[in-house]
All heavy atoms as atom14 arrays in JSON, in Angstrom:
{
  "sequence": "SFSNYSINLKNILGKNILSLRNISYNKRIDVSKFRNGTYVLEIATNSE",
  "atom14_mask": [
    [1, 1, 1, 1, 1, 1, 0, 0, 0, 0, 0, 0, 0, 0],
    [1, 1, 1, 1, 1, 1, 1, 1, 1, 1, 1, 0, 0, 0],
    [1, 1, 1, 1, 1, 1, 0, 0, 0, 0, 0, 0, 0, 0],
    [1, 1, 1, 1, 1, 1, 1, 1, 0, 0, 0, 0, 0, 0],
    [1, 1, 1, 1, 1, 1, 1, 1, 1, 1, 1, 1, 0, 0],
    [1, 1, 1, 1, 1, 1, 0, 0, 0, 0, 0, 0, 0, 0],
    [1, 1, 1, 1, 1, 1, 1, 1, 0, 0, 0, 0, 0, 0],
    [1, 1, 1, 1, 1, 1, 1, 1, 0, 0, 0, 0, 0, 0],
    [1, 1, 1, 1, 1, 1, 1, 1, 0, 0, 0, 0, 0, 0],
    [1, 1, 1, 1, 1, 1, 1, 1, 1, 0, 0, 0, 0, 0],
    [1, 1, 1, 1, 1, 1, 1, 1, 0, 0, 0, 0, 0, 0],
    [1, 1, 1, 1, 1, 1, 1, 1, 0, 0, 0, 0, 0, 0],
    [1, 1, 1, 1, 1, 1, 1, 1, 0, 0, 0, 0, 0, 0],
    [1, 1, 1, 1, 0, 0, 0, 0, 0, 0, 0, 0, 0, 0],
    [1, 1, 1, 1, 1, 1, 1, 1, 1, 0, 0, 0, 0, 0],
    [1, 1, 1, 1, 1, 1, 1, 1, 0, 0, 0, 0, 0, 0],
    [1, 1, 1, 1, 1, 1, 1, 1, 0, 0, 0, 0, 0, 0],
    [1, 1, 1, 1, 1, 1, 1, 1, 0, 0, 0, 0, 0, 0],
    [1, 1, 1, 1, 1, 1, 0, 0, 0, 0, 0, 0, 0, 0],
    [1, 1, 1, 1, 1, 1, 1, 1, 0, 0, 0, 0, 0, 0],
    [1, 1, 1, 1, 1, 1, 1, 1, 1, 1, 1, 0, 0, 0],
    [1, 1, 1, 1, 1, 1, 1, 1, 0, 0, 0, 0, 0, 0],
    [1, 1, 1, 1, 1, 1, 1, 1, 0, 0, 0, 0, 0, 0],
    [1, 1, 1, 1, 1, 1, 0, 0, 0, 0, 0, 0, 0, 0],
    [1, 1, 1, 1, 1, 1, 1, 1, 1, 1, 1, 1, 0, 0],
    [1, 1, 1, 1, 1, 1, 1, 1, 0, 0, 0, 0, 0, 0],
    [1, 1, 1, 1, 1, 1, 1, 1, 1, 0, 0, 0, 0, 0],
    [1, 1, 1, 1, 1, 1, 1, 1, 1, 1, 1, 0, 0, 0],
    [1, 1, 1, 1, 1, 1, 1, 1, 0, 0, 0, 0, 0, 0],
    [1, 1, 1, 1, 1, 1, 1, 1, 0, 0, 0, 0, 0, 0],
    [1, 1, 1, 1, 1, 1, 1, 0, 0, 0, 0, 0, 0, 0],
    [1, 1, 1, 1, 1, 1, 0, 0, 0, 0, 0, 0, 0, 0],
    [1, 1, 1, 1, 1, 1, 1, 1, 1, 0, 0, 0, 0, 0],
    [1, 1, 1, 1, 1, 1, 1, 1, 1, 1, 1, 0, 0, 0],
    [1, 1, 1, 1, 1, 1, 1, 1, 1, 1, 1, 0, 0, 0],
    [1, 1, 1, 1, 1, 1, 1, 1, 0, 0, 0, 0, 0, 0],
    [1, 1, 1, 1, 0, 0, 0, 0, 0, 0, 0, 0, 0, 0],
    [1, 1, 1, 1, 1, 1, 1, 0, 0, 0, 0, 0, 0, 0],
    [1, 1, 1, 1, 1, 1, 1, 1, 1, 1, 1, 1, 0, 0],
    [1, 1, 1, 1, 1, 1, 1, 0, 0, 0, 0, 0, 0, 0],
    [1, 1, 1, 1, 1, 1, 1, 1, 0, 0, 0, 0, 0, 0],
    [1, 1, 1, 1, 1, 1, 1, 1, 1, 0, 0, 0, 0, 0],
    [1, 1, 1, 1, 1, 1, 1, 1, 0, 0, 0, 0, 0, 0],
    [1, 1, 1, 1, 1, 0, 0, 0, 0, 0, 0, 0, 0, 0],
    [1, 1, 1, 1, 1, 1, 1, 0, 0, 0, 0, 0, 0, 0],
    [1, 1, 1, 1, 1, 1, 1, 1, 0, 0, 0, 0, 0, 0],
    [1, 1, 1, 1, 1, 1, 0, 0, 0, 0, 0, 0, 0, 0],
    [1, 1, 1, 1, 1, 1, 1, 1, 1, 0, 0, 0, 0, 0]
  ],
  "atom14_positions": [
    [[88.22, 80.1, 82.39], [87.82, 78.79, 81.87], [88.71, 77.67, 82.39], [88.51, 76.5, 82.05], [87.87, 78.81, 80.34], [89.17, 79.12, 79.87], [0.0, 0.0, 0.0], [0.0, 0.0, 0.0], [0.0, 0.0, 0.0], [0.0, 0.0, 0.0], [0.0, 0.0, 0.0], [0.0, 0.0, 0.0], [0.0, 0.0, 0.0], [0.0, 0.0, 0.0]],
    [[89.72, 78.02, 83.22], [90.6, 77.0, 83.78], [89.81, 76.07, 84.7], [89.06, 76.51, 85.57], [91.75, 77.63, 84.57], [92.72, 78.42, 83.74], [93.43, 79.48, 84.29], [92.94, 78.11, 82.41], [94.34, 80.21, 83.55], [93.85, 78.84, 81.65], [94.54, 79.89, 82.22], [0.0, 0.0, 0.0], [0.0, 0.0, 0.0], [0.0, 0.0, 0.0]],
    [[90.02, 74.78, 84.54], [89.29, 73.79, 85.33], [90.07, 73.31, 86.56], [89.51, 72.65, 87.43], [88.91, 72.58, 84.47], [90.07, 71.98, 83.92], [0.0, 0.0, 0.0], [0.0, 0.0, 0.0], [0.0, 0.0, 0.0], [0.0, 0.0, 0.0], [0.0, 0.0, 0.0], [0.0, 0.0, 0.0], [0.0, 0.0, 0.0], [0.0, 0.0, 0.0]],
    [[91.35, 73.64, 86.62], [92.16, 73.24, 87.76], [93.34, 74.2, 87.89], [94.3, 74.12, 87.15], [92.66, 71.8, 87.61], [93.4, 71.3, 88.85], [93.47, 71.99, 89.88], [93.95, 70.11, 88.75], [0.0, 0.0, 0.0], [0.0, 0.0, 0.0], [0.0, 0.0, 0.0], [0.0, 0.0, 0.0], [0.0, 0.0, 0.0], [0.0, 0.0, 0.0]],
    [[93.27, 75.1, 88.85], [94.33, 76.08, 89.01], [94.52, 76.41, 90.49], [93.69, 76.05, 91.35], [94.05, 77.34, 88.2], [92.83, 78.15, 88.62], [92.94, 79.24, 89.47], [91.57, 77.83, 88.11], [91.84, 79.98, 89.83], [90.45, 78.57, 88.47], [90.59, 79.65, 89.33], [89.49, 80.4, 89.68], [0.0, 0.0, 0.0], [0.0, 0.0, 0.0]],
    [[95.61, 77.08, 90.79], [95.92, 77.5, 92.16], [96.07, 79.01, 92.21], [96.32, 79.67, 91.2], [97.2, 76.82, 92.67], [98.32, 77.2, 91.87], [0.0, 0.0, 0.0], [0.0, 0.0, 0.0], [0.0, 0.0, 0.0], [0.0, 0.0, 0.0], [0.0, 0.0, 0.0], [0.0, 0.0, 0.0], [0.0, 0.0, 0.0], [0.0, 0.0, 0.0]],
    [[95.94, 79.55, 93.41], [96.04, 80.99, 93.63], [97.03, 81.25, 94.77], [96.95, 80.6, 95.82], [94.68, 81.61, 93.99], [93.74, 81.56, 92.78], [94.85, 83.05, 94.47], [92.33, 82.03, 93.11], [0.0, 0.0, 0.0], [0.0, 0.0, 0.0], [0.0, 0.0, 0.0], [0.0, 0.0, 0.0], [0.0, 0.0, 0.0], [0.0, 0.0, 0.0]],
    [[97.93, 82.19, 94.55], [98.78, 82.72, 95.59], [98.66, 84.23, 95.6], [98.77, 84.87, 94.54], [100.25, 82.34, 95.38], [100.52, 80.88, 95.66], [100.05, 80.33, 96.63], [101.3, 80.24, 94.79], [0.0, 0.0, 0.0], [0.0, 0.0, 0.0], [0.0, 0.0, 0.0], [0.0, 0.0, 0.0], [0.0, 0.0, 0.0], [0.0, 0.0, 0.0]],
    [[98.41, 84.8, 96.76], [98.35, 86.25, 96.91], [99.5, 86.65, 97.82], [99.63, 86.16, 98.95], [97.02, 86.7, 97.51], [96.79, 88.21, 97.56], [96.71, 88.8, 96.15], [95.51, 88.55, 98.32], [0.0, 0.0, 0.0], [0.0, 0.0, 0.0], [0.0, 0.0, 0.0], [0.0, 0.0, 0.0], [0.0, 0.0, 0.0], [0.0, 0.0, 0.0]],
    [[100.37, 87.54, 97.31], [101.57, 87.93, 98.03], [101.6, 89.44, 98.23], [101.08, 90.19, 97.41], [102.82, 87.49, 97.27], [102.89, 85.98, 97.01], [104.12, 85.6, 96.24], [104.16, 84.09, 96.01], [105.39, 83.68, 95.29], [0.0, 0.0, 0.0], [0.0, 0.0, 0.0], [0.0, 0.0, 0.0], [0.0, 0.0, 0.0], [0.0, 0.0, 0.0]],
    [[102.23, 89.86, 99.33], [102.42, 91.29, 99.52], [103.59, 91.76, 98.69], [104.26, 90.97, 98.01], [102.58, 91.63, 101.01], [103.81, 91.0, 101.65], [104.76, 90.62, 100.97], [103.78, 90.9, 102.98], [0.0, 0.0, 0.0], [0.0, 0.0, 0.0], [0.0, 0.0, 0.0], [0.0, 0.0, 0.0], [0.0, 0.0, 0.0], [0.0, 0.0, 0.0]],
    [[103.87, 93.05, 98.73], [104.88, 93.64, 97.87], [106.29, 93.14, 98.19], [107.2, 93.22, 97.37], [104.83, 95.19, 97.96], [105.54, 95.83, 96.74], [105.41, 95.66, 99.28], [104.84, 95.58, 95.44], [0.0, 0.0, 0.0], [0.0, 0.0, 0.0], [0.0, 0.0, 0.0], [0.0, 0.0, 0.0], [0.0, 0.0, 0.0], [0.0, 0.0, 0.0]],
    [[106.48, 92.56, 99.4], [107.76, 92.0, 99.79], [107.93, 90.55, 99.37], [108.96, 89.93, 99.58], [107.95, 92.11, 101.31], [107.97, 93.53, 101.88], [108.08, 93.49, 103.41], [109.11, 94.35, 101.3], [0.0, 0.0, 0.0], [0.0, 0.0, 0.0], [0.0, 0.0, 0.0], [0.0, 0.0, 0.0], [0.0, 0.0, 0.0], [0.0, 0.0, 0.0]],
    [[106.87, 90.0, 98.74], [106.94, 88.63, 98.27], [106.45, 87.59, 99.27], [106.52, 86.39, 99.01], [0.0, 0.0, 0.0], [0.0, 0.0, 0.0], [0.0, 0.0, 0.0], [0.0, 0.0, 0.0], [0.0, 0.0, 0.0], [0.0, 0.0, 0.0], [0.0, 0.0, 0.0], [0.0, 0.0, 0.0], [0.0, 0.0, 0.0], [0.0, 0.0, 0.0]],
    [[105.94, 88.02, 100.43], [105.44, 87.09, 101.43], [104.06, 86.6, 101.04], [103.16, 87.38, 100.72], [105.39, 87.76, 102.8], [104.93, 86.81, 103.91], [104.91, 87.51, 105.26], [104.45, 86.56, 106.36], [104.44, 87.23, 107.69], [0.0, 0.0, 0.0], [0.0, 0.0, 0.0], [0.0, 0.0, 0.0], [0.0, 0.0, 0.0], [0.0, 0.0, 0.0]],
    [[103.89, 85.28, 101.08], [102.62, 84.66, 100.71], [101.62, 84.84, 101.84], [101.86, 84.44, 102.97], [102.84, 83.18, 100.42], [101.87, 82.64, 99.4], [101.27, 83.38, 98.65], [101.7, 81.33, 99.38], [0.0, 0.0, 0.0], [0.0, 0.0, 0.0], [0.0, 0.0, 0.0], [0.0, 0.0, 0.0], [0.0, 0.0, 0.0], [0.0, 0.0, 0.0]],
    [[100.47, 85.49, 101.56], [99.46, 85.72, 102.6], [98.18, 84.93, 102.36], [97.32, 84.86, 103.23], [99.13, 87.22, 102.72], [98.56, 87.76, 101.41], [100.38, 88.01, 103.12], [98.07, 89.19, 101.54], [0.0, 0.0, 0.0], [0.0, 0.0, 0.0], [0.0, 0.0, 0.0], [0.0, 0.0, 0.0], [0.0, 0.0, 0.0], [0.0, 0.0, 0.0]],
    [[98.06, 84.31, 101.17], [96.9, 83.5, 100.87], [97.24, 82.48, 99.79], [97.81, 82.84, 98.76], [95.72, 84.36, 100.41], [94.44, 83.62, 99.99], [93.8, 82.94, 101.2], [93.45, 84.57, 99.32], [0.0, 0.0, 0.0], [0.0, 0.0, 0.0], [0.0, 0.0, 0.0], [0.0, 0.0, 0.0], [0.0, 0.0, 0.0], [0.0, 0.0, 0.0]],
    [[96.89, 81.21, 100.02], [97.11, 80.15, 99.04], [95.86, 79.3, 98.91], [95.3, 78.86, 99.92], [98.3, 79.26, 99.44], [99.52, 79.97, 99.39], [0.0, 0.0, 0.0], [0.0, 0.0, 0.0], [0.0, 0.0, 0.0], [0.0, 0.0, 0.0], [0.0, 0.0, 0.0], [0.0, 0.0, 0.0], [0.0, 0.0, 0.0], [0.0, 0.0, 0.0]],
    [[95.42, 79.07, 97.69], [94.27, 78.24, 97.4], [94.64, 77.26, 96.31], [95.33, 77.62, 95.36], [93.08, 79.1, 96.97], [92.59, 80.15, 98.0], [91.54, 81.05, 97.36], [92.05, 79.49, 99.25], [0.0, 0.0, 0.0], [0.0, 0.0, 0.0], [0.0, 0.0, 0.0], [0.0, 0.0, 0.0], [0.0, 0.0, 0.0], [0.0, 0.0, 0.0]],
    [[94.16, 76.01, 96.42], [94.52, 74.98, 95.48], [93.27, 74.32, 94.9], [92.18, 74.36, 95.5], [95.39, 73.91, 96.17], [96.73, 74.45, 96.7], [97.68, 74.79, 95.56], [98.99, 75.24, 96.03], [99.3, 76.52, 96.25], [98.38, 77.48, 96.01], [100.5, 76.85, 96.68], [0.0, 0.0, 0.0], [0.0, 0.0, 0.0], [0.0, 0.0, 0.0]],
    [[93.48, 73.66, 93.73], [92.43, 72.84, 93.1], [91.13, 73.62, 92.89], [90.04, 73.15, 93.24], [92.17, 71.58, 93.93], [93.42, 70.73, 94.09], [94.2, 70.53, 93.15], [93.63, 70.22, 95.31], [0.0, 0.0, 0.0], [0.0, 0.0, 0.0], [0.0, 0.0, 0.0], [0.0, 0.0, 0.0], [0.0, 0.0, 0.0], [0.0, 0.0, 0.0]],
    [[91.26, 74.78, 92.29], [90.11, 75.63, 92.02], [89.63, 75.39, 90.6], [90.43, 75.21, 89.68], [90.46, 77.12, 92.21], [91.08, 77.35, 93.6], [89.24, 78.01, 92.01], [91.7, 78.71, 93.75], [0.0, 0.0, 0.0], [0.0, 0.0, 0.0], [0.0, 0.0, 0.0], [0.0, 0.0, 0.0], [0.0, 0.0, 0.0], [0.0, 0.0, 0.0]],
    [[88.34, 75.38, 90.42], [87.77, 75.21, 89.08], [86.93, 76.43, 88.72], [86.07, 76.85, 89.49], [86.91, 73.95, 89.02], [87.71, 72.79, 89.2], [0.0, 0.0, 0.0], [0.0, 0.0, 0.0], [0.0, 0.0, 0.0], [0.0, 0.0, 0.0], [0.0, 0.0, 0.0], [0.0, 0.0, 0.0], [0.0, 0.0, 0.0], [0.0, 0.0, 0.0]],
    [[87.23, 77.0, 87.57], [86.45, 78.08, 86.98], [86.43, 79.32, 87.88], [87.49, 79.74, 88.37], [85.05, 77.58, 86.61], [85.11, 76.33, 85.75], [84.62, 75.11, 86.22], [85.7, 76.35, 84.5], [84.7, 73.96, 85.45], [85.78, 75.21, 83.71], [85.29, 74.01, 84.2], [85.38, 72.88, 83.43], [0.0, 0.0, 0.0], [0.0, 0.0, 0.0]],
    [[85.31, 79.88, 88.13], [85.23, 81.2, 88.77], [85.45, 81.1, 90.28], [85.08, 80.13, 90.93], [83.9, 81.86, 88.48], [83.67, 82.05, 86.99], [84.62, 82.11, 86.2], [82.42, 82.16, 86.59], [0.0, 0.0, 0.0], [0.0, 0.0, 0.0], [0.0, 0.0, 0.0], [0.0, 0.0, 0.0], [0.0, 0.0, 0.0], [0.0, 0.0, 0.0]],
    [[86.04, 82.17, 90.84], [86.34, 82.19, 92.26], [86.26, 83.62, 92.8], [86.71, 84.57, 92.15], [87.74, 81.64, 92.52], [88.15, 81.61, 93.99], [87.34, 80.6, 94.77], [87.81, 80.54, 96.22], [87.0, 79.57, 97.03], [0.0, 0.0, 0.0], [0.0, 0.0, 0.0], [0.0, 0.0, 0.0], [0.0, 0.0, 0.0], [0.0, 0.0, 0.0]],
    [[85.67, 83.75, 93.99], [85.61, 85.04, 94.68], [86.48, 84.95, 95.94], [86.34, 84.02, 96.73], [84.17, 85.4, 95.04], [84.02, 86.73, 95.77], [82.55, 87.02, 96.05], [82.36, 88.24, 96.82], [82.38, 88.3, 98.14], [82.58, 87.19, 98.84], [82.19, 89.45, 98.75], [0.0, 0.0, 0.0], [0.0, 0.0, 0.0], [0.0, 0.0, 0.0]],
    [[87.36, 85.95, 96.11], [88.29, 85.96, 97.24], [87.95, 87.14, 98.16], [87.88, 88.29, 97.71], [89.75, 86.1, 96.77], [90.1, 84.98, 95.78], [90.71, 86.07, 97.95], [91.46, 85.17, 95.14], [0.0, 0.0, 0.0], [0.0, 0.0, 0.0], [0.0, 0.0, 0.0], [0.0, 0.0, 0.0], [0.0, 0.0, 0.0], [0.0, 0.0, 0.0]],
    [[87.77, 86.86, 99.44], [87.5, 87.89, 100.43], [88.82, 88.57, 100.82], [89.74, 87.92, 101.32], [86.84, 87.27, 101.66], [86.45, 88.31, 102.71], [86.65, 89.53, 102.48], [85.96, 87.9, 103.79], [0.0, 0.0, 0.0], [0.0, 0.0, 0.0], [0.0, 0.0, 0.0], [0.0, 0.0, 0.0], [0.0, 0.0, 0.0], [0.0, 0.0, 0.0]],
    [[88.94, 89.86, 100.59], [90.15, 90.61, 100.93], [89.85, 91.73, 101.92], [90.68, 92.62, 102.14], [90.81, 91.19, 99.66], [91.27, 90.08, 98.73], [89.88, 92.15, 98.94], [0.0, 0.0, 0.0], [0.0, 0.0, 0.0], [0.0, 0.0, 0.0], [0.0, 0.0, 0.0], [0.0, 0.0, 0.0], [0.0, 0.0, 0.0], [0.0, 0.0, 0.0]],
    [[88.68, 91.69, 102.54], [88.25, 92.78, 103.41], [89.13, 92.94, 104.64], [89.18, 94.02, 105.24], [86.8, 92.57, 103.84], [86.66, 91.33, 104.54], [0.0, 0.0, 0.0], [0.0, 0.0, 0.0], [0.0, 0.0, 0.0], [0.0, 0.0, 0.0], [0.0, 0.0, 0.0], [0.0, 0.0, 0.0], [0.0, 0.0, 0.0], [0.0, 0.0, 0.0]],
    [[89.81, 91.86, 105.06], [90.64, 91.91, 106.26], [92.1, 92.2, 105.96], [92.92, 92.27, 106.87], [90.51, 90.6, 107.03], [89.1, 90.32, 107.54], [89.05, 89.02, 108.33], [87.63, 88.76, 108.84], [87.56, 87.47, 109.6], [0.0, 0.0, 0.0], [0.0, 0.0, 0.0], [0.0, 0.0, 0.0], [0.0, 0.0, 0.0], [0.0, 0.0, 0.0]],
    [[92.44, 92.36, 104.68], [93.82, 92.66, 104.32], [94.09, 94.16, 104.41], [93.2, 94.98, 104.19], [94.14, 92.17, 102.91], [94.08, 90.67, 102.77], [93.71, 90.09, 101.57], [94.37, 89.83, 103.83], [93.64, 88.72, 101.42], [94.32, 88.46, 103.7], [93.95, 87.89, 102.5], [0.0, 0.0, 0.0], [0.0, 0.0, 0.0], [0.0, 0.0, 0.0]],
    [[95.33, 94.5, 104.73], [95.73, 95.9, 104.8], [95.71, 96.55, 103.42], [95.91, 95.9, 102.41], [97.13, 96.04, 105.4], [97.23, 95.63, 106.87], [98.64, 95.85, 107.38], [98.76, 95.53, 108.8], [99.89, 95.63, 109.48], [100.99, 96.06, 108.87], [99.9, 95.32, 110.78], [0.0, 0.0, 0.0], [0.0, 0.0, 0.0], [0.0, 0.0, 0.0]],
    [[95.48, 97.84, 103.41], [95.58, 98.58, 102.15], [96.99, 98.5, 101.59], [97.97, 98.54, 102.33], [95.2, 100.04, 102.36], [93.73, 100.24, 102.68], [92.93, 99.32, 102.56], [93.37, 101.45, 103.08], [0.0, 0.0, 0.0], [0.0, 0.0, 0.0], [0.0, 0.0, 0.0], [0.0, 0.0, 0.0], [0.0, 0.0, 0.0], [0.0, 0.0, 0.0]],
    [[97.09, 98.36, 100.27], [98.41, 98.31, 99.65], [98.39, 97.58, 98.33], [97.33, 97.23, 97.8], [0.0, 0.0, 0.0], [0.0, 0.0, 0.0], [0.0, 0.0, 0.0], [0.0, 0.0, 0.0], [0.0, 0.0, 0.0], [0.0, 0.0, 0.0], [0.0, 0.0, 0.0], [0.0, 0.0, 0.0], [0.0, 0.0, 0.0], [0.0, 0.0, 0.0]],
    [[99.58, 97.35, 97.81], [99.74, 96.67, 96.54], [100.11, 95.2, 96.77], [101.0, 94.89, 97.57], [100.83, 97.35, 95.69], [100.48, 98.71, 95.47], [100.98, 96.65, 94.34], [0.0, 0.0, 0.0], [0.0, 0.0, 0.0], [0.0, 0.0, 0.0], [0.0, 0.0, 0.0], [0.0, 0.0, 0.0], [0.0, 0.0, 0.0], [0.0, 0.0, 0.0]],
    [[99.47, 94.3, 96.05], [99.68, 92.87, 96.19], [99.94, 92.24, 94.81], [99.61, 92.84, 93.77], [98.47, 92.2, 96.83], [98.22, 92.63, 98.26], [97.56, 93.83, 98.53], [98.62, 91.85, 99.33], [97.34, 94.25, 99.83], [98.38, 92.25, 100.64], [97.76, 93.45, 100.88], [97.53, 93.85, 102.18], [0.0, 0.0, 0.0], [0.0, 0.0, 0.0]],
    [[100.54, 91.06, 94.83], [100.78, 90.3, 93.61], [99.91, 89.05, 93.64], [100.0, 88.24, 94.56], [102.26, 89.92, 93.48], [102.46, 89.04, 92.24], [103.13, 91.16, 93.37], [0.0, 0.0, 0.0], [0.0, 0.0, 0.0], [0.0, 0.0, 0.0], [0.0, 0.0, 0.0], [0.0, 0.0, 0.0], [0.0, 0.0, 0.0], [0.0, 0.0, 0.0]],
    [[99.06, 88.91, 92.64], [98.18, 87.76, 92.5], [98.76, 86.82, 91.45], [98.96, 87.2, 90.31], [96.77, 88.19, 92.11], [95.75, 87.07, 91.85], [95.45, 86.33, 93.15], [94.47, 87.62, 91.23], [0.0, 0.0, 0.0], [0.0, 0.0, 0.0], [0.0, 0.0, 0.0], [0.0, 0.0, 0.0], [0.0, 0.0, 0.0], [0.0, 0.0, 0.0]],
    [[99.0, 85.57, 91.85], [99.49, 84.54, 90.94], [98.39, 83.51, 90.7], [97.85, 82.94, 91.65], [100.73, 83.85, 91.49], [101.94, 84.75, 91.66], [103.14, 84.0, 92.2], [102.96, 82.83, 92.6], [104.23, 84.57, 92.23], [0.0, 0.0, 0.0], [0.0, 0.0, 0.0], [0.0, 0.0, 0.0], [0.0, 0.0, 0.0], [0.0, 0.0, 0.0]],
    [[98.06, 83.27, 89.46], [97.12, 82.23, 89.07], [97.9, 81.22, 88.23], [98.42, 81.57, 87.16], [95.94, 82.81, 88.28], [95.21, 83.87, 89.11], [94.99, 81.7, 87.85], [94.15, 84.62, 88.33], [0.0, 0.0, 0.0], [0.0, 0.0, 0.0], [0.0, 0.0, 0.0], [0.0, 0.0, 0.0], [0.0, 0.0, 0.0], [0.0, 0.0, 0.0]],
    [[98.03, 79.99, 88.71], [98.9, 79.02, 88.07], [98.16, 77.74, 87.71], [97.37, 77.22, 88.49], [100.09, 78.69, 88.97], [0.0, 0.0, 0.0], [0.0, 0.0, 0.0], [0.0, 0.0, 0.0], [0.0, 0.0, 0.0], [0.0, 0.0, 0.0], [0.0, 0.0, 0.0], [0.0, 0.0, 0.0], [0.0, 0.0, 0.0], [0.0, 0.0, 0.0]],
    [[98.42, 77.26, 86.5], [97.99, 75.94, 86.08], [99.23, 75.07, 85.96], [100.34, 75.48, 86.31], [97.25, 76.0, 84.73], [98.19, 76.36, 83.7], [96.12, 77.02, 84.77], [0.0, 0.0, 0.0], [0.0, 0.0, 0.0], [0.0, 0.0, 0.0], [0.0, 0.0, 0.0], [0.0, 0.0, 0.0], [0.0, 0.0, 0.0], [0.0, 0.0, 0.0]],
    [[99.08, 73.89, 85.45], [100.24, 73.02, 85.27], [101.19, 73.52, 84.19], [102.35, 73.13, 84.15], [99.78, 71.59, 84.92], [99.12, 70.88, 86.08], [99.43, 71.15, 87.24], [98.19, 69.97, 85.77], [0.0, 0.0, 0.0], [0.0, 0.0, 0.0], [0.0, 0.0, 0.0], [0.0, 0.0, 0.0], [0.0, 0.0, 0.0], [0.0, 0.0, 0.0]],
    [[100.7, 74.39, 83.32], [101.49, 74.8, 82.16], [101.83, 76.29, 82.12], [102.68, 76.69, 81.34], [100.77, 74.43, 80.86], [99.51, 75.06, 80.79], [0.0, 0.0, 0.0], [0.0, 0.0, 0.0], [0.0, 0.0, 0.0], [0.0, 0.0, 0.0], [0.0, 0.0, 0.0], [0.0, 0.0, 0.0], [0.0, 0.0, 0.0], [0.0, 0.0, 0.0]],
    [[101.16, 77.11, 82.9], [101.42, 78.54, 82.82], [101.11, 79.22, 84.14], [100.41, 78.69, 85.01], [100.6, 79.18, 81.69], [99.11, 79.12, 81.86], [98.39, 79.77, 80.69], [98.75, 80.9, 80.33], [97.48, 79.16, 80.15], [0.0, 0.0, 0.0], [0.0, 0.0, 0.0], [0.0, 0.0, 0.0], [0.0, 0.0, 0.0], [0.0, 0.0, 0.0]]
  ]
}
């Protein structure tokens, strides 16, 4: 339900591999070209 948020996708070493800004509500992210493994997804608003 967030109307304005950002996305950062990082690998297990903390390197940022994808950044998206000013997103509203639902979002689909294409990850088909990323290597298999564990990633950290950050969804941030102004307050959390």
